[in-house]
Amino acid sequence: MLDAGHTVFHEKQAEQIEDDPGTLVLGDGSSKIHLTNIGVSHFYRKEEYFDLLDGFSVIDPCLTTYYLPRDEARKRGYDEYLQSMWTVYAIK
């Protein structure tokens, strides 16, 4: 089972595209700023990067997390907002 570690994925994982685990169609109509309204999204596992970057000599995915400034979080409708993303370094 895919565990992307993201709250949006966990809330909507039952809606994954059947033949593409980890892919969701997100579109609740709320706002372009919200992750829940960005369209087709794939939530990757760290292990998937190795397949995606086959042929690269160095692959170093690292998870980056940080809190958005409070005023930006409030624009998005939250008191606080933890941003999280994978940063991938690869050499070919």
N, C-alpha and C. Protein backbone atom coordinates (compact mmCIF):
# COMPACT_ATOMS: atom_id res chain seq x y z
N MET A 1 0.84 -1.19 0.00
CA MET A 1 0.00 0.00 0.00
C MET A 1 0.88 1.24 0.00
N LEU A 2 0.52 2.20 -0.83
CA LEU A 2 1.26 3.44 -0.91
C LEU A 2 1.04 4.26 0.35
N ASP A 3 2.11 4.76 0.92
CA ASP A 3 1.99 5.66 2.06
C ASP A 3 2.82 6.90 1.74
N ALA A 4 2.18 7.91 1.16
CA ALA A 4 2.90 9.11 0.75
C ALA A 4 3.14 10.06 1.90
N GLY A 5 2.52 9.84 3.06
CA GLY A 5 2.79 10.67 4.22
C GLY A 5 2.20 12.06 4.13
N HIS A 6 1.24 12.30 3.28
CA HIS A 6 0.65 13.62 3.14
C HIS A 6 -0.82 13.57 3.56
N THR A 7 -1.27 14.57 4.29
CA THR A 7 -2.64 14.54 4.80
C THR A 7 -3.67 14.50 3.68
N VAL A 8 -3.45 15.21 2.58
CA VAL A 8 -4.40 15.18 1.46
C VAL A 8 -4.47 13.76 0.90
N PHE A 9 -3.32 13.12 0.73
CA PHE A 9 -3.32 11.74 0.22
C PHE A 9 -4.08 10.82 1.17
N HIS A 10 -3.81 10.94 2.46
CA HIS A 10 -4.48 10.06 3.43
C HIS A 10 -5.98 10.29 3.44
N GLU A 11 -6.42 11.53 3.29
CA GLU A 11 -7.86 11.82 3.28
C GLU A 11 -8.54 11.31 2.02
N LYS A 12 -7.83 11.26 0.90
CA LYS A 12 -8.44 10.93 -0.39
C LYS A 12 -7.91 9.65 -1.02
N GLN A 13 -7.16 8.85 -0.27
CA GLN A 13 -6.52 7.68 -0.87
C GLN A 13 -7.50 6.67 -1.45
N ALA A 14 -8.73 6.65 -0.97
CA ALA A 14 -9.73 5.74 -1.53
C ALA A 14 -10.12 6.14 -2.96
N GLU A 15 -9.73 7.36 -3.37
CA GLU A 15 -10.07 7.86 -4.70
C GLU A 15 -8.92 7.71 -5.70
N GLN A 16 -7.89 6.91 -5.37
CA GLN A 16 -6.76 6.73 -6.28
C GLN A 16 -7.23 6.16 -7.62
N ILE A 17 -6.56 6.58 -8.69
CA ILE A 17 -6.85 6.01 -10.00
C ILE A 17 -6.46 4.54 -9.94
N GLU A 18 -7.40 3.69 -10.30
CA GLU A 18 -7.25 2.25 -10.07
C GLU A 18 -5.97 1.66 -10.65
N ASP A 19 -5.61 2.01 -11.87
CA ASP A 19 -4.42 1.40 -12.49
C ASP A 19 -3.15 2.24 -12.30
N ASP A 20 -3.20 3.26 -11.44
CA ASP A 20 -2.03 4.08 -11.15
C ASP A 20 -2.01 4.46 -9.68
N PRO A 21 -1.66 3.52 -8.81
CA PRO A 21 -1.64 3.80 -7.37
C PRO A 21 -0.79 5.02 -7.05
N GLY A 22 -1.31 5.87 -6.18
CA GLY A 22 -0.63 7.09 -5.80
C GLY A 22 -1.12 8.30 -6.56
N THR A 23 -1.91 8.09 -7.63
CA THR A 23 -2.42 9.21 -8.42
C THR A 23 -3.86 9.50 -8.07
N LEU A 24 -4.13 10.77 -7.81
CA LEU A 24 -5.48 11.24 -7.48
C LEU A 24 -5.85 12.38 -8.41
N VAL A 25 -7.13 12.53 -8.66
CA VAL A 25 -7.62 13.72 -9.35
C VAL A 25 -8.18 14.63 -8.27
N LEU A 26 -7.51 15.73 -8.03
CA LEU A 26 -7.88 16.64 -6.96
C LEU A 26 -8.56 17.86 -7.56
N GLY A 27 -9.77 18.14 -7.14
CA GLY A 27 -10.48 19.29 -7.66
C GLY A 27 -11.75 19.55 -6.88
N ASP A 28 -11.64 20.18 -5.73
CA ASP A 28 -12.84 20.43 -4.92
C ASP A 28 -13.43 21.81 -5.16
N GLY A 29 -12.81 22.60 -6.05
CA GLY A 29 -13.34 23.90 -6.39
C GLY A 29 -13.05 25.00 -5.40
N SER A 30 -12.22 24.74 -4.40
CA SER A 30 -12.01 25.72 -3.33
C SER A 30 -11.16 26.91 -3.78
N SER A 31 -9.99 26.65 -4.33
CA SER A 31 -9.07 27.73 -4.70
C SER A 31 -7.88 27.12 -5.41
N LYS A 32 -7.25 27.87 -6.29
CA LYS A 32 -6.05 27.37 -6.97
C LYS A 32 -4.89 27.20 -6.02
N ILE A 33 -4.91 27.89 -4.92
CA ILE A 33 -3.82 27.82 -3.95
C ILE A 33 -3.81 26.53 -3.14
N HIS A 34 -4.96 25.92 -2.96
CA HIS A 34 -5.04 24.73 -2.12
C HIS A 34 -4.64 23.47 -2.89
N LEU A 35 -3.87 22.62 -2.27
CA LEU A 35 -3.45 21.37 -2.88
C LEU A 35 -4.65 20.54 -3.30
N THR A 36 -5.76 20.70 -2.60
CA THR A 36 -6.94 19.89 -2.91
C THR A 36 -7.61 20.30 -4.20
N ASN A 37 -7.07 21.28 -4.92
CA ASN A 37 -7.71 21.75 -6.15
C ASN A 37 -6.72 21.92 -7.30
N ILE A 38 -5.70 21.08 -7.39
CA ILE A 38 -4.68 21.28 -8.42
C ILE A 38 -4.80 20.31 -9.59
N GLY A 39 -5.78 19.45 -9.61
CA GLY A 39 -5.95 18.54 -10.73
C GLY A 39 -5.27 17.21 -10.48
N VAL A 40 -4.77 16.58 -11.54
CA VAL A 40 -4.14 15.27 -11.41
C VAL A 40 -2.83 15.41 -10.67
N SER A 41 -2.66 14.63 -9.62
CA SER A 41 -1.45 14.67 -8.79
C SER A 41 -1.01 13.26 -8.47
N HIS A 42 0.29 13.05 -8.49
CA HIS A 42 0.83 11.76 -8.08
C HIS A 42 1.64 11.96 -6.81
N PHE A 43 1.35 11.18 -5.81
CA PHE A 43 2.08 11.21 -4.54
C PHE A 43 3.12 10.10 -4.58
N TYR A 44 4.39 10.50 -4.67
CA TYR A 44 5.48 9.54 -4.84
C TYR A 44 6.00 9.03 -3.51
N ARG A 45 6.41 7.77 -3.54
CA ARG A 45 7.19 7.20 -2.45
C ARG A 45 8.66 7.42 -2.79
N LYS A 46 9.49 7.51 -1.78
CA LYS A 46 10.92 7.72 -2.00
C LYS A 46 11.48 6.67 -2.95
N GLU A 47 11.04 5.43 -2.83
CA GLU A 47 11.56 4.34 -3.65
C GLU A 47 11.27 4.55 -5.14
N GLU A 48 10.17 5.25 -5.46
CA GLU A 48 9.81 5.46 -6.86
C GLU A 48 10.83 6.33 -7.60
N TYR A 49 11.53 7.19 -6.89
CA TYR A 49 12.50 8.05 -7.55
C TYR A 49 13.60 7.24 -8.22
N PHE A 50 13.98 6.13 -7.64
CA PHE A 50 15.04 5.32 -8.22
C PHE A 50 14.63 4.76 -9.58
N ASP A 51 13.35 4.39 -9.73
CA ASP A 51 12.86 3.93 -11.03
C ASP A 51 12.74 5.09 -12.01
N LEU A 52 12.25 6.23 -11.55
CA LEU A 52 12.08 7.39 -12.42
C LEU A 52 13.39 7.92 -12.96
N LEU A 53 14.45 7.82 -12.17
CA LEU A 53 15.74 8.38 -12.54
C LEU A 53 16.75 7.30 -12.90
N ASP A 54 16.27 6.22 -13.48
CA ASP A 54 17.15 5.13 -13.90
C ASP A 54 18.22 5.66 -14.85
N GLY A 55 19.45 5.28 -14.64
CA GLY A 55 20.55 5.74 -15.48
C GLY A 55 21.33 6.90 -14.87
N PHE A 56 20.84 7.45 -13.79
CA PHE A 56 21.56 8.52 -13.10
C PHE A 56 22.53 7.90 -12.11
N SER A 57 23.72 8.50 -11.97
CA SER A 57 24.74 7.92 -11.10
C SER A 57 24.54 8.26 -9.63
N VAL A 58 23.91 9.38 -9.34
CA VAL A 58 23.67 9.76 -7.95
C VAL A 58 22.21 10.18 -7.82
N ILE A 59 21.53 9.56 -6.90
CA ILE A 59 20.16 9.94 -6.61
C ILE A 59 20.06 10.14 -5.11
N ASP A 60 19.72 11.33 -4.70
CA ASP A 60 19.68 11.62 -3.28
C ASP A 60 18.40 12.39 -2.93
N PRO A 61 17.25 11.68 -2.84
CA PRO A 61 16.02 12.39 -2.45
C PRO A 61 16.06 12.73 -0.96
N CYS A 62 15.70 13.95 -0.64
CA CYS A 62 15.61 14.33 0.77
C CYS A 62 14.31 15.09 1.00
N LEU A 63 13.71 14.85 2.13
CA LEU A 63 12.45 15.47 2.49
C LEU A 63 12.73 16.82 3.15
N THR A 64 12.09 17.86 2.65
CA THR A 64 12.22 19.20 3.22
C THR A 64 10.86 19.60 3.78
N THR A 65 10.84 20.02 5.03
CA THR A 65 9.58 20.50 5.63
C THR A 65 9.84 21.83 6.32
N TYR A 66 8.83 22.69 6.26
CA TYR A 66 8.92 23.98 6.93
C TYR A 66 7.51 24.54 7.10
N TYR A 67 7.35 25.39 8.08
CA TYR A 67 6.08 26.07 8.29
C TYR A 67 6.03 27.34 7.44
N LEU A 68 4.92 27.55 6.76
CA LEU A 68 4.72 28.81 6.04
C LEU A 68 4.56 29.93 7.05
N PRO A 69 4.91 31.16 6.67
CA PRO A 69 4.65 32.28 7.57
C PRO A 69 3.16 32.34 7.92
N ARG A 70 2.86 32.77 9.13
CA ARG A 70 1.48 32.76 9.63
C ARG A 70 0.51 33.49 8.70
N ASP A 71 0.92 34.64 8.13
CA ASP A 71 0.00 35.38 7.26
C ASP A 71 -0.33 34.59 5.99
N GLU A 72 0.65 33.85 5.45
CA GLU A 72 0.39 33.01 4.27
C GLU A 72 -0.51 31.83 4.64
N ALA A 73 -0.28 31.23 5.80
CA ALA A 73 -1.14 30.13 6.26
C ALA A 73 -2.58 30.60 6.40
N ARG A 74 -2.76 31.79 6.94
CA ARG A 74 -4.12 32.33 7.12
C ARG A 74 -4.79 32.61 5.78
N LYS A 75 -4.02 33.04 4.77
CA LYS A 75 -4.59 33.23 3.43
C LYS A 75 -5.16 31.92 2.90
N ARG A 76 -4.54 30.82 3.30
CA ARG A 76 -4.99 29.50 2.85
C ARG A 76 -6.06 28.91 3.76
N GLY A 77 -6.43 29.65 4.81
CA GLY A 77 -7.50 29.20 5.69
C GLY A 77 -7.05 28.38 6.88
N TYR A 78 -5.76 28.45 7.23
CA TYR A 78 -5.23 27.67 8.34
C TYR A 78 -4.54 28.59 9.35
N ASP A 79 -4.51 28.18 10.62
CA ASP A 79 -3.74 28.92 11.62
C ASP A 79 -2.25 28.68 11.42
N GLU A 80 -1.89 27.46 11.03
CA GLU A 80 -0.51 27.15 10.67
C GLU A 80 -0.53 26.14 9.54
N TYR A 81 0.54 26.11 8.75
CA TYR A 81 0.58 25.28 7.55
C TYR A 81 1.98 24.72 7.40
N LEU A 82 2.11 23.42 7.53
CA LEU A 82 3.39 22.75 7.38
C LEU A 82 3.54 22.32 5.92
N GLN A 83 4.52 22.88 5.25
CA GLN A 83 4.81 22.56 3.85
C GLN A 83 5.83 21.44 3.83
N SER A 84 5.67 20.51 2.91
CA SER A 84 6.58 19.39 2.82
C SER A 84 6.80 19.05 1.36
N MET A 85 8.04 18.77 0.97
CA MET A 85 8.34 18.41 -0.42
C MET A 85 9.60 17.57 -0.48
N TRP A 86 9.68 16.78 -1.54
CA TRP A 86 10.90 16.05 -1.83
C TRP A 86 11.78 16.90 -2.71
N THR A 87 13.06 16.98 -2.39
CA THR A 87 14.05 17.61 -3.24
C THR A 87 14.96 16.49 -3.72
N VAL A 88 15.15 16.40 -5.04
CA VAL A 88 15.91 15.28 -5.60
C VAL A 88 17.13 15.82 -6.35
N TYR A 89 18.29 15.27 -6.03
CA TYR A 89 19.53 15.60 -6.71
C TYR A 89 19.98 14.36 -7.46
N ALA A 90 20.24 14.52 -8.76
CA ALA A 90 20.68 13.38 -9.56
C ALA A 90 21.69 13.87 -10.60
N ILE A 91 22.67 13.02 -10.90
CA ILE A 91 23.71 13.34 -11.89
C ILE A 91 23.67 12.30 -12.98
N LYS A 92 23.69 12.77 -14.23
CA LYS A 92 23.69 11.82 -15.34
C LYS A 92 24.92 12.05 -16.18
